[in-house]
Amino acid sequence: FLKDNLPHIKIIVDPILKSSSGFDFMNYDDEQLWFQLLTKVELITPNYLEMKTLSQSRDVLEATKEWAGYGNILLKGGHHAEHLGVDLLFTNQEVKRFMPSETLVYPKHGSGCV
């Protein structure tokens, strides 16, 4: 609907999969549906744990590189154990790293608990 009515619109999707209490918001195990979505939007912005779930627990970076062949992905690093706060932008064969501007970085949740 959006693309049909506003062909130049930029759509960004933040795939919120579950609440911090564990409630699932959606069925996320069909990669082909996500690939179709990626071809229609400008960007998706999963965090590290969401991408791990979306890629069915495969290596997250390898899965994100594969998915980036269908569209742009900003892999948010707020939940990455070794690289906390480092965001990675995956575009067609390119990866850009965005370092946190703060020295102390804490994982946060978005479903209302902060």
PDB file of N, CA and C in Angstrom:
ATOM      1  N   PHE A   1       0.818  -1.193   0.000  1.00  0.00           N
ATOM      2  CA  PHE A   1       0.000   0.000   0.000  1.00  0.00           C
ATOM      3  C   PHE A   1       0.860   1.254   0.000  1.00  0.00           C
ATOM      4  N   LEU A   2       1.853   1.292   0.906  1.00  0.00           N
ATOM      5  CA  LEU A   2       2.704   2.483   0.983  1.00  0.00           C
ATOM      6  C   LEU A   2       3.458   2.724  -0.315  1.00  0.00           C
ATOM      7  N   LYS A   3       4.096   1.690  -0.843  1.00  0.00           N
ATOM      8  CA  LYS A   3       4.872   1.853  -2.080  1.00  0.00           C
ATOM      9  C   LYS A   3       3.971   2.190  -3.265  1.00  0.00           C
ATOM     10  N   ASP A   4       2.761   1.619  -3.293  1.00  0.00           N
ATOM     11  CA  ASP A   4       1.827   1.923  -4.379  1.00  0.00           C
ATOM     12  C   ASP A   4       1.392   3.386  -4.342  1.00  0.00           C
ATOM     13  N   ASN A   5       1.184   3.917  -3.153  1.00  0.00           N
ATOM     14  CA  ASN A   5       0.677   5.276  -3.011  1.00  0.00           C
ATOM     15  C   ASN A   5       1.759   6.333  -2.853  1.00  0.00           C
ATOM     16  N   LEU A   6       2.915   5.934  -2.366  1.00  0.00           N
ATOM     17  CA  LEU A   6       4.044   6.855  -2.191  1.00  0.00           C
ATOM     18  C   LEU A   6       5.309   6.148  -2.675  1.00  0.00           C
ATOM     19  N   PRO A   7       5.518   6.066  -3.988  1.00  0.00           N
ATOM     20  CA  PRO A   7       6.596   5.242  -4.533  1.00  0.00           C
ATOM     21  C   PRO A   7       8.003   5.617  -4.072  1.00  0.00           C
ATOM     22  N   HIS A   8       8.215   6.839  -3.598  1.00  0.00           N
ATOM     23  CA  HIS A   8       9.556   7.263  -3.176  1.00  0.00           C
ATOM     24  C   HIS A   8       9.764   7.154  -1.666  1.00  0.00           C
ATOM     25  N   ILE A   9       8.792   6.590  -0.970  1.00  0.00           N
ATOM     26  CA  ILE A   9       8.890   6.491   0.483  1.00  0.00           C
ATOM     27  C   ILE A   9      10.006   5.523   0.880  1.00  0.00           C
ATOM     28  N   LYS A  10      10.690   5.833   1.969  1.00  0.00           N
ATOM     29  CA  LYS A  10      11.726   4.961   2.523  1.00  0.00           C
ATOM     30  C   LYS A  10      11.121   4.249   3.732  1.00  0.00           C
ATOM     31  N   ILE A  11      11.049   2.932   3.673  1.00  0.00           N
ATOM     32  CA  ILE A  11      10.453   2.147   4.752  1.00  0.00           C
ATOM     33  C   ILE A  11      11.556   1.449   5.527  1.00  0.00           C
ATOM     34  N   ILE A  12      11.531   1.631   6.846  1.00  0.00           N
ATOM     35  CA  ILE A  12      12.483   0.978   7.744  1.00  0.00           C
ATOM     36  C   ILE A  12      11.687   0.087   8.682  1.00  0.00           C
ATOM     37  N   VAL A  13      12.098  -1.171   8.808  1.00  0.00           N
ATOM     38  CA  VAL A  13      11.397  -2.140   9.641  1.00  0.00           C
ATOM     39  C   VAL A  13      12.281  -2.540  10.814  1.00  0.00           C
ATOM     40  N   ASP A  14      11.751  -2.379  12.020  1.00  0.00           N
ATOM     41  CA  ASP A  14      12.438  -2.830  13.222  1.00  0.00           C
ATOM     42  C   ASP A  14      11.721  -4.099  13.682  1.00  0.00           C
ATOM     43  N   PRO A  15      12.312  -5.267  13.432  1.00  0.00           N
ATOM     44  CA  PRO A  15      11.618  -6.532  13.739  1.00  0.00           C
ATOM     45  C   PRO A  15      11.639  -6.846  15.238  1.00  0.00           C
ATOM     46  N   ILE A  16      10.615  -6.391  15.932  1.00  0.00           N
ATOM     47  CA  ILE A  16      10.500  -6.683  17.360  1.00  0.00           C
ATOM     48  C   ILE A  16       9.834  -8.049  17.473  1.00  0.00           C
ATOM     49  N   LEU A  17      10.611  -9.047  17.867  1.00  0.00           N
ATOM     50  CA  LEU A  17      10.140 -10.422  17.843  1.00  0.00           C
ATOM     51  C   LEU A  17       9.451 -10.865  19.116  1.00  0.00           C
ATOM     52  N   LYS A  18       9.982 -10.412  20.253  1.00  0.00           N
ATOM     53  CA  LYS A  18       9.380 -10.833  21.514  1.00  0.00           C
ATOM     54  C   LYS A  18       9.656  -9.805  22.591  1.00  0.00           C
ATOM     55  N   SER A  19       8.824  -9.849  23.624  1.00  0.00           N
ATOM     56  CA  SER A  19       9.018  -8.945  24.751  1.00  0.00           C
ATOM     57  C   SER A  19      10.141  -9.469  25.632  1.00  0.00           C
ATOM     58  N   SER A  20      10.650  -8.608  26.501  1.00  0.00           N
ATOM     59  CA  SER A  20      11.713  -9.048  27.410  1.00  0.00           C
ATOM     60  C   SER A  20      11.209 -10.101  28.383  1.00  0.00           C
ATOM     61  N   SER A  21       9.880 -10.199  28.547  1.00  0.00           N
ATOM     62  CA  SER A  21       9.325 -11.240  29.411  1.00  0.00           C
ATOM     63  C   SER A  21       9.156 -12.565  28.668  1.00  0.00           C
ATOM     64  N   GLY A  22       9.470 -12.583  27.351  1.00  0.00           N
ATOM     65  CA  GLY A  22       9.451 -13.824  26.588  1.00  0.00           C
ATOM     66  C   GLY A  22       8.234 -14.033  25.705  1.00  0.00           C
ATOM     67  N   PHE A  23       7.288 -13.097  25.672  1.00  0.00           N
ATOM     68  CA  PHE A  23       6.098 -13.222  24.828  1.00  0.00           C
ATOM     69  C   PHE A  23       6.471 -13.008  23.371  1.00  0.00           C
ATOM     70  N   ASP A  24       6.144 -13.973  22.501  1.00  0.00           N
ATOM     71  CA  ASP A  24       6.422 -13.859  21.065  1.00  0.00           C
ATOM     72  C   ASP A  24       5.375 -12.970  20.405  1.00  0.00           C
ATOM     73  N   PHE A  25       5.832 -11.953  19.653  1.00  0.00           N
ATOM     74  CA  PHE A  25       4.933 -11.066  18.939  1.00  0.00           C
ATOM     75  C   PHE A  25       4.566 -11.587  17.551  1.00  0.00           C
ATOM     76  N   MET A  26       5.385 -12.469  17.005  1.00  0.00           N
ATOM     77  CA  MET A  26       5.146 -12.916  15.638  1.00  0.00           C
ATOM     78  C   MET A  26       5.836 -14.243  15.370  1.00  0.00           C
ATOM     79  N   ASN A  27       5.446 -14.875  14.271  1.00  0.00           N
ATOM     80  CA  ASN A  27       6.123 -16.083  13.787  1.00  0.00           C
ATOM     81  C   ASN A  27       7.285 -15.609  12.922  1.00  0.00           C
ATOM     82  N   TYR A  28       8.485 -16.033  13.252  1.00  0.00           N
ATOM     83  CA  TYR A  28       9.658 -15.492  12.575  1.00  0.00           C
ATOM     84  C   TYR A  28      10.537 -16.558  11.959  1.00  0.00           C
ATOM     85  N   ASP A  29      10.002 -17.748  11.729  1.00  0.00           N
ATOM     86  CA  ASP A  29      10.863 -18.838  11.273  1.00  0.00           C
ATOM     87  C   ASP A  29      10.833 -19.073   9.765  1.00  0.00           C
ATOM     88  N   ASP A  30      10.222 -18.188   8.985  1.00  0.00           N
ATOM     89  CA  ASP A  30      10.187 -18.351   7.534  1.00  0.00           C
ATOM     90  C   ASP A  30      11.119 -17.335   6.880  1.00  0.00           C
ATOM     91  N   GLU A  31      12.360 -17.756   6.603  1.00  0.00           N
ATOM     92  CA  GLU A  31      13.345 -16.845   6.013  1.00  0.00           C
ATOM     93  C   GLU A  31      12.877 -16.278   4.679  1.00  0.00           C
ATOM     94  N   GLN A  32      12.171 -17.054   3.894  1.00  0.00           N
ATOM     95  CA  GLN A  32      11.743 -16.584   2.575  1.00  0.00           C
ATOM     96  C   GLN A  32      10.832 -15.356   2.681  1.00  0.00           C
ATOM     97  N   LEU A  33       9.977 -15.309   3.700  1.00  0.00           N
ATOM     98  CA  LEU A  33       9.133 -14.130   3.892  1.00  0.00           C
ATOM     99  C   LEU A  33       9.971 -12.903   4.244  1.00  0.00           C
ATOM    100  N   TRP A  34      11.017 -13.113   5.047  1.00  0.00           N
ATOM    101  CA  TRP A  34      11.911 -12.000   5.385  1.00  0.00           C
ATOM    102  C   TRP A  34      12.682 -11.539   4.153  1.00  0.00           C
ATOM    103  N   PHE A  35      13.102 -12.480   3.300  1.00  0.00           N
ATOM    104  CA  PHE A  35      13.807 -12.109   2.074  1.00  0.00           C
ATOM    105  C   PHE A  35      12.896 -11.266   1.178  1.00  0.00           C
ATOM    106  N   GLN A  36      11.620 -11.650   1.077  1.00  0.00           N
ATOM    107  CA  GLN A  36      10.660 -10.872   0.281  1.00  0.00           C
ATOM    108  C   GLN A  36      10.489  -9.472   0.861  1.00  0.00           C
ATOM    109  N   LEU A  37      10.408  -9.393   2.184  1.00  0.00           N
ATOM    110  CA  LEU A  37      10.273  -8.093   2.830  1.00  0.00           C
ATOM    111  C   LEU A  37      11.492  -7.218   2.555  1.00  0.00           C
ATOM    112  N   LEU A  38      12.671  -7.807   2.638  1.00  0.00           N
ATOM    113  CA  LEU A  38      13.906  -7.045   2.408  1.00  0.00           C
ATOM    114  C   LEU A  38      13.944  -6.401   1.033  1.00  0.00           C
ATOM    115  N   THR A  39      13.360  -7.036   0.030  1.00  0.00           N
ATOM    116  CA  THR A  39      13.368  -6.469  -1.322  1.00  0.00           C
ATOM    117  C   THR A  39      12.416  -5.291  -1.456  1.00  0.00           C
ATOM    118  N   LYS A  40      11.526  -5.100  -0.471  1.00  0.00           N
ATOM    119  CA  LYS A  40      10.510  -4.051  -0.565  1.00  0.00           C
ATOM    120  C   LYS A  40      10.758  -2.856   0.358  1.00  0.00           C
ATOM    121  N   VAL A  41      11.710  -2.968   1.277  1.00  0.00           N
ATOM    122  CA  VAL A  41      11.962  -1.891   2.231  1.00  0.00           C
ATOM    123  C   VAL A  41      13.383  -1.358   2.062  1.00  0.00           C
ATOM    124  N   GLU A  42      13.637  -0.206   2.655  1.00  0.00           N
ATOM    125  CA  GLU A  42      14.965   0.406   2.577  1.00  0.00           C
ATOM    126  C   GLU A  42      15.947  -0.268   3.526  1.00  0.00           C
ATOM    127  N   LEU A  43      15.441  -0.681   4.707  1.00  0.00           N
ATOM    128  CA  LEU A  43      16.329  -1.159   5.756  1.00  0.00           C
ATOM    129  C   LEU A  43      15.536  -1.948   6.796  1.00  0.00           C
ATOM    130  N   ILE A  44      16.145  -3.014   7.340  1.00  0.00           N
ATOM    131  CA  ILE A  44      15.613  -3.620   8.560  1.00  0.00           C
ATOM    132  C   ILE A  44      16.676  -3.456   9.643  1.00  0.00           C
ATOM    133  N   THR A  45      16.229  -3.380  10.911  1.00  0.00           N
ATOM    134  CA  THR A  45      17.140  -3.032  12.003  1.00  0.00           C
ATOM    135  C   THR A  45      17.045  -4.026  13.166  1.00  0.00           C
ATOM    136  N   PRO A  46      17.378  -5.289  12.945  1.00  0.00           N
ATOM    137  CA  PRO A  46      17.335  -6.231  14.065  1.00  0.00           C
ATOM    138  C   PRO A  46      18.526  -6.034  14.999  1.00  0.00           C
ATOM    139  N   ASN A  47      18.336  -6.354  16.276  1.00  0.00           N
ATOM    140  CA  ASN A  47      19.499  -6.394  17.151  1.00  0.00           C
ATOM    141  C   ASN A  47      20.140  -7.775  17.008  1.00  0.00           C
ATOM    142  N   TYR A  48      21.252  -7.953  17.673  1.00  0.00           N
ATOM    143  CA  TYR A  48      22.015  -9.191  17.528  1.00  0.00           C
ATOM    144  C   TYR A  48      21.179 -10.423  17.881  1.00  0.00           C
ATOM    145  N   LEU A  49      20.447 -10.367  18.996  1.00  0.00           N
ATOM    146  CA  LEU A  49      19.641 -11.522  19.410  1.00  0.00           C
ATOM    147  C   LEU A  49      18.479 -11.774  18.456  1.00  0.00           C
ATOM    148  N   GLU A  50      17.877 -10.699  17.927  1.00  0.00           N
ATOM    149  CA  GLU A  50      16.796 -10.873  16.958  1.00  0.00           C
ATOM    150  C   GLU A  50      17.315 -11.520  15.679  1.00  0.00           C
ATOM    151  N   MET A  51      18.480 -11.101  15.213  1.00  0.00           N
ATOM    152  CA  MET A  51      19.042 -11.697  14.004  1.00  0.00           C
ATOM    153  C   MET A  51      19.402 -13.155  14.240  1.00  0.00           C
ATOM    154  N   LYS A  52      19.851 -13.477  15.429  1.00  0.00           N
ATOM    155  CA  LYS A  52      20.154 -14.865  15.765  1.00  0.00           C
ATOM    156  C   LYS A  52      18.887 -15.712  15.659  1.00  0.00           C
ATOM    157  N   THR A  53      17.777 -15.174  16.140  1.00  0.00           N
ATOM    158  CA  THR A  53      16.494 -15.871  16.046  1.00  0.00           C
ATOM    159  C   THR A  53      16.031 -15.962  14.592  1.00  0.00           C
ATOM    160  N   LEU A  54      16.085 -14.839  13.874  1.00  0.00           N
ATOM    161  CA  LEU A  54      15.640 -14.820  12.482  1.00  0.00           C
ATOM    162  C   LEU A  54      16.438 -15.783  11.611  1.00  0.00           C
ATOM    163  N   SER A  55      17.722 -15.907  11.886  1.00  0.00           N
ATOM    164  CA  SER A  55      18.579 -16.779  11.078  1.00  0.00           C
ATOM    165  C   SER A  55      18.608 -18.205  11.628  1.00  0.00           C
ATOM    166  N   GLN A  56      17.714 -18.478  12.580  1.00  0.00           N
ATOM    167  CA  GLN A  56      17.573 -19.815  13.157  1.00  0.00           C
ATOM    168  C   GLN A  56      18.877 -20.288  13.786  1.00  0.00           C
ATOM    169  N   SER A  57      19.502 -19.365  14.545  1.00  0.00           N
ATOM    170  CA  SER A  57      20.698 -19.628  15.362  1.00  0.00           C
ATOM    171  C   SER A  57      21.952 -19.975  14.568  1.00  0.00           C
ATOM    172  N   ARG A  58      21.963 -19.668  13.279  1.00  0.00           N
ATOM    173  CA  ARG A  58      23.208 -19.828  12.525  1.00  0.00           C
ATOM    174  C   ARG A  58      24.176 -18.747  12.962  1.00  0.00           C
ATOM    175  N   ASP A  59      25.395 -18.767  12.422  1.00  0.00           N
ATOM    176  CA  ASP A  59      26.343 -17.699  12.691  1.00  0.00           C
ATOM    177  C   ASP A  59      25.701 -16.381  12.267  1.00  0.00           C
ATOM    178  N   VAL A  60      25.547 -15.471  13.199  1.00  0.00           N
ATOM    179  CA  VAL A  60      24.797 -14.243  12.957  1.00  0.00           C
ATOM    180  C   VAL A  60      25.427 -13.385  11.866  1.00  0.00           C
ATOM    181  N   LEU A  61      26.733 -13.201  11.902  1.00  0.00           N
ATOM    182  CA  LEU A  61      27.365 -12.354  10.888  1.00  0.00           C
ATOM    183  C   LEU A  61      27.272 -12.959   9.499  1.00  0.00           C
ATOM    184  N   GLU A  62      27.468 -14.262   9.392  1.00  0.00           N
ATOM    185  CA  GLU A  62      27.339 -14.920   8.086  1.00  0.00           C
ATOM    186  C   GLU A  62      25.903 -14.838   7.573  1.00  0.00           C
ATOM    187  N   ALA A  63      24.949 -15.069   8.450  1.00  0.00           N
ATOM    188  CA  ALA A  63      23.542 -14.986   8.057  1.00  0.00           C
ATOM    189  C   ALA A  63      23.187 -13.565   7.623  1.00  0.00           C
ATOM    190  N   THR A  64      23.679 -12.570   8.347  1.00  0.00           N
ATOM    191  CA  THR A  64      23.386 -11.180   7.997  1.00  0.00           C
ATOM    192  C   THR A  64      23.979 -10.826   6.641  1.00  0.00           C
ATOM    193  N   LYS A  65      25.191 -11.297   6.366  1.00  0.00           N
ATOM    194  CA  LYS A  65      25.794 -11.075   5.042  1.00  0.00           C
ATOM    195  C   LYS A  65      24.927 -11.684   3.946  1.00  0.00           C
ATOM    196  N   GLU A  66      24.433 -12.897   4.188  1.00  0.00           N
ATOM    197  CA  GLU A  66      23.561 -13.558   3.207  1.00  0.00           C
ATOM    198  C   GLU A  66      22.278 -12.758   3.002  1.00  0.00           C
ATOM    199  N   TRP A  67      21.654 -12.358   4.089  1.00  0.00           N
ATOM    200  CA  TRP A  67      20.411 -11.602   4.011  1.00  0.00           C
ATOM    201  C   TRP A  67      20.617 -10.270   3.306  1.00  0.00           C
ATOM    202  N   ALA A  68      21.789  -9.665   3.463  1.00  0.00           N
ATOM    203  CA  ALA A  68      22.059  -8.365   2.850  1.00  0.00           C
ATOM    204  C   ALA A  68      22.061  -8.445   1.320  1.00  0.00           C
ATOM    205  N   GLY A  69      22.114  -9.640   0.766  1.00  0.00           N
ATOM    206  CA  GLY A  69      21.967  -9.796  -0.670  1.00  0.00           C
ATOM    207  C   GLY A  69      20.557  -9.463  -1.139  1.00  0.00           C
ATOM    208  N   TYR A  70      19.606  -9.426  -0.212  1.00  0.00           N
ATOM    209  CA  TYR A  70      18.216  -9.100  -0.527  1.00  0.00           C
ATOM    210  C   TYR A  70      17.866  -7.655  -0.177  1.00  0.00           C
ATOM    211  N   GLY A  71      18.615  -7.064   0.769  1.00  0.00           N
ATOM    212  CA  GLY A  71      18.339  -5.690   1.188  1.00  0.00           C
ATOM    213  C   GLY A  71      19.266  -5.264   2.311  1.00  0.00           C
ATOM    214  N   ASN A  72      19.175  -4.015   2.670  1.00  0.00           N
ATOM    215  CA  ASN A  72      20.055  -3.431   3.680  1.00  0.00           C
ATOM    216  C   ASN A  72      19.653  -3.839   5.094  1.00  0.00           C
ATOM    217  N   ILE A  73      20.667  -4.099   5.933  1.00  0.00           N
ATOM    218  CA  ILE A  73      20.418  -4.495   7.319  1.00  0.00           C
ATOM    219  C   ILE A  73      21.342  -3.706   8.238  1.00  0.00           C
ATOM    220  N   LEU A  74      20.754  -3.065   9.244  1.00  0.00           N
ATOM    221  CA  LEU A  74      21.527  -2.447  10.314  1.00  0.00           C
ATOM    222  C   LEU A  74      21.446  -3.392  11.505  1.00  0.00           C
ATOM    223  N   LEU A  75      22.523  -4.107  11.750  1.00  0.00           N
ATOM    224  CA  LEU A  75      22.586  -5.056  12.858  1.00  0.00           C
ATOM    225  C   LEU A  75      23.005  -4.291  14.100  1.00  0.00           C
ATOM    226  N   LYS A  76      22.031  -4.084  14.998  1.00  0.00           N
ATOM    227  CA  LYS A  76      22.295  -3.304  16.209  1.00  0.00           C
ATOM    228  C   LYS A  76      23.051  -4.161  17.218  1.00  0.00           C
ATOM    229  N   GLY A  77      24.077  -3.582  17.814  1.00  0.00           N
ATOM    230  CA  GLY A  77      24.979  -4.345  18.667  1.00  0.00           C
ATOM    231  C   GLY A  77      24.719  -4.264  20.148  1.00  0.00           C
ATOM    232  N   GLY A  78      23.547  -3.839  20.546  1.00  0.00           N
ATOM    233  CA  GLY A  78      23.271  -3.699  21.967  1.00  0.00           C
ATOM    234  C   GLY A  78      23.221  -4.984  22.752  1.00  0.00           C
ATOM    235  N   HIS A  79      23.123  -6.124  22.090  1.00  0.00           N
ATOM    236  CA  HIS A  79      23.060  -7.404  22.788  1.00  0.00           C
ATOM    237  C   HIS A  79      24.225  -8.323  22.437  1.00  0.00           C
ATOM    238  N   HIS A  80      25.177  -7.837  21.690  1.00  0.00           N
ATOM    239  CA  HIS A  80      26.312  -8.669  21.299  1.00  0.00           C
ATOM    240  C   HIS A  80      27.281  -8.758  22.474  1.00  0.00           C
ATOM    241  N   ALA A  81      27.604  -9.973  22.896  1.00  0.00           N
ATOM    242  CA  ALA A  81      28.410 -10.182  24.105  1.00  0.00           C
ATOM    243  C   ALA A  81      29.820  -9.604  23.985  1.00  0.00           C
ATOM    244  N   GLU A  82      30.469  -9.759  22.829  1.00  0.00           N
ATOM    245  CA  GLU A  82      31.856  -9.312  22.688  1.00  0.00           C
ATOM    246  C   GLU A  82      32.000  -7.890  22.150  1.00  0.00           C
ATOM    247  N   HIS A  83      31.010  -7.403  21.423  1.00  0.00           N
ATOM    248  CA  HIS A  83      31.107  -6.089  20.783  1.00  0.00           C
ATOM    249  C   HIS A  83      29.892  -5.241  21.145  1.00  0.00           C
ATOM    250  N   LEU A  84      29.649  -5.093  22.433  1.00  0.00           N
ATOM    251  CA  LEU A  84      28.474  -4.389  22.926  1.00  0.00           C
ATOM    252  C   LEU A  84      28.437  -2.953  22.416  1.00  0.00           C
ATOM    253  N   GLY A  85      27.334  -2.593  21.784  1.00  0.00           N
ATOM    254  CA  GLY A  85      27.147  -1.231  21.296  1.00  0.00           C
ATOM    255  C   GLY A  85      27.685  -0.956  19.914  1.00  0.00           C
ATOM    256  N   VAL A  86      28.332  -1.910  19.280  1.00  0.00           N
ATOM    257  CA  VAL A  86      28.856  -1.710  17.929  1.00  0.00           C
ATOM    258  C   VAL A  86      27.775  -2.108  16.928  1.00  0.00           C
ATOM    259  N   ASP A  87      27.322  -1.146  16.127  1.00  0.00           N
ATOM    260  CA  ASP A  87      26.326  -1.408  15.095  1.00  0.00           C
ATOM    261  C   ASP A  87      27.039  -1.677  13.775  1.00  0.00           C
ATOM    262  N   LEU A  88      26.472  -2.572  12.981  1.00  0.00           N
ATOM    263  CA  LEU A  88      27.037  -2.919  11.677  1.00  0.00           C
ATOM    264  C   LEU A  88      25.976  -2.711  10.600  1.00  0.00           C
ATOM    265  N   LEU A  89      26.304  -1.926   9.594  1.00  0.00           N
ATOM    266  CA  LEU A  89      25.399  -1.702   8.465  1.00  0.00           C
ATOM    267  C   LEU A  89      25.856  -2.568   7.305  1.00  0.00           C
ATOM    268  N   PHE A  90      25.009  -3.516   6.928  1.00  0.00           N
ATOM    269  CA  PHE A  90      25.284  -4.423   5.812  1.00  0.00           C
ATOM    270  C   PHE A  90      24.507  -3.927   4.600  1.00  0.00           C
ATOM    271  N   THR A  91      25.244  -3.550   3.564  1.00  0.00           N
ATOM    272  CA  THR A  91      24.634  -3.199   2.288  1.00  0.00           C
ATOM    273  C   THR A  91      25.250  -4.117   1.243  1.00  0.00           C
ATOM    274  N   ASN A  92      24.800  -4.068   0.078  1.00  0.00           N
ATOM    275  CA  ASN A  92      25.238  -4.955  -0.998  1.00  0.00           C
ATOM    276  C   ASN A  92      26.750  -5.141  -1.017  1.00  0.00           C
ATOM    277  N   GLN A  93      27.257  -6.149  -0.344  1.00  0.00           N
ATOM    278  CA  GLN A  93      28.676  -6.528  -0.295  1.00  0.00           C
ATOM    279  C   GLN A  93      29.556  -5.581   0.517  1.00  0.00           C
ATOM    280  N   GLU A  94      28.966  -4.681   1.294  1.00  0.00           N
ATOM    281  CA  GLU A  94      29.760  -3.758   2.099  1.00  0.00           C
ATOM    282  C   GLU A  94      29.260  -3.791   3.541  1.00  0.00           C
ATOM    283  N   VAL A  95      30.200  -3.689   4.484  1.00  0.00           N
ATOM    284  CA  VAL A  95      29.853  -3.631   5.902  1.00  0.00           C
ATOM    285  C   VAL A  95      30.521  -2.405   6.506  1.00  0.00           C
ATOM    286  N   LYS A  96      29.713  -1.549   7.128  1.00  0.00           N
ATOM    287  CA  LYS A  96      30.236  -0.368   7.817  1.00  0.00           C
ATOM    288  C   LYS A  96      30.022  -0.550   9.310  1.00  0.00           C
ATOM    289  N   ARG A  97      31.032  -0.202  10.084  1.00  0.00           N
ATOM    290  CA  ARG A  97      30.997  -0.359  11.546  1.00  0.00           C
ATOM    291  C   ARG A  97      30.784   1.015  12.181  1.00  0.00           C
ATOM    292  N   PHE A  98      29.835   1.061  13.127  1.00  0.00           N
ATOM    293  CA  PHE A  98      29.559   2.280  13.881  1.00  0.00           C
ATOM    294  C   PHE A  98      29.840   1.992  15.349  1.00  0.00           C
ATOM    295  N   MET A  99      30.850   2.658  15.864  1.00  0.00           N
ATOM    296  CA  MET A  99      31.264   2.457  17.249  1.00  0.00           C
ATOM    297  C   MET A  99      30.404   3.310  18.177  1.00  0.00           C
ATOM    298  N   PRO A 100      30.178   2.832  19.401  1.00  0.00           N
ATOM    299  CA  PRO A 100      29.400   3.641  20.350  1.00  0.00           C
ATOM    300  C   PRO A 100      30.168   4.895  20.740  1.00  0.00           C
ATOM    301  N   SER A 101      29.446   5.964  20.986  1.00  0.00           N
ATOM    302  CA  SER A 101      30.097   7.216  21.373  1.00  0.00           C
ATOM    303  C   SER A 101      30.360   7.278  22.876  1.00  0.00           C
ATOM    304  N   GLU A 102      29.721   6.425  23.627  1.00  0.00           N
ATOM    305  CA  GLU A 102      29.912   6.381  25.072  1.00  0.00           C
ATOM    306  C   GLU A 102      30.878   5.261  25.432  1.00  0.00           C
ATOM    307  N   THR A 103      31.583   5.407  26.548  1.00  0.00           N
ATOM    308  CA  THR A 103      32.511   4.368  26.975  1.00  0.00           C
ATOM    309  C   THR A 103      31.806   3.238  27.724  1.00  0.00           C
ATOM    310  N   LEU A 104      30.723   3.549  28.413  1.00  0.00           N
ATOM    311  CA  LEU A 104      29.943   2.522  29.099  1.00  0.00           C
ATOM    312  C   LEU A 104      28.667   2.271  28.310  1.00  0.00           C
ATOM    313  N   VAL A 105      28.494   1.057  27.844  1.00  0.00           N
ATOM    314  CA  VAL A 105      27.334   0.708  27.037  1.00  0.00           C
ATOM    315  C   VAL A 105      26.597  -0.417  27.749  1.00  0.00           C
ATOM    316  N   TYR A 106      25.286  -0.262  27.867  1.00  0.00           N
ATOM    317  CA  TYR A 106      24.461  -1.264  28.537  1.00  0.00           C
ATOM    318  C   TYR A 106      23.370  -1.739  27.591  1.00  0.00           C
ATOM    319  N   PRO A 107      23.074  -3.046  27.589  1.00  0.00           N
ATOM    320  CA  PRO A 107      21.952  -3.518  26.763  1.00  0.00           C
ATOM    321  C   PRO A 107      20.648  -2.977  27.316  1.00  0.00           C
ATOM    322  N   LYS A 108      19.773  -2.541  26.421  1.00  0.00           N
ATOM    323  CA  LYS A 108      18.466  -2.036  26.816  1.00  0.00           C
ATOM    324  C   LYS A 108      17.396  -2.819  26.073  1.00  0.00           C
ATOM    325  N   HIS A 109      16.211  -2.827  26.617  1.00  0.00           N
ATOM    326  CA  HIS A 109      15.078  -3.519  25.992  1.00  0.00           C
ATOM    327  C   HIS A 109      14.033  -2.492  25.635  1.00  0.00           C
ATOM    328  N   GLY A 110      13.263  -2.747  24.581  1.00  0.00           N
ATOM    329  CA  GLY A 110      12.357  -1.739  24.084  1.00  0.00           C
ATOM    330  C   GLY A 110      10.888  -1.946  24.336  1.00  0.00           C
ATOM    331  N   SER A 111      10.484  -2.958  25.071  1.00  0.00           N
ATOM    332  CA  SER A 111       9.059  -3.217  25.233  1.00  0.00           C
ATOM    333  C   SER A 111       8.474  -2.587  26.488  1.00  0.00           C
ATOM    334  N   GLY A 112       9.150  -1.592  27.041  1.00  0.00           N
ATOM    335  CA  GLY A 112       8.575  -0.847  28.147  1.00  0.00           C
ATOM    336  C   GLY A 112       9.252  -1.070  29.489  1.00  0.00           C
ATOM    337  N   CYS A 113      10.263  -1.893  29.555  1.00  0.00           N
ATOM    338  CA  CYS A 113      10.888  -2.160  30.843  1.00  0.00           C
ATOM    339  C   CYS A 113      11.963  -1.145  31.198  1.00  0.00           C
ATOM    340  N   VAL A 114      12.334  -0.276  30.261  1.00  0.00           N
ATOM    341  CA  VAL A 114      13.312   0.768  30.568  1.00  0.00           C
ATOM    342  C   VAL A 114      12.591   2.105  30.628  1.00  0.00           C
TER     343      VAL A 114
END
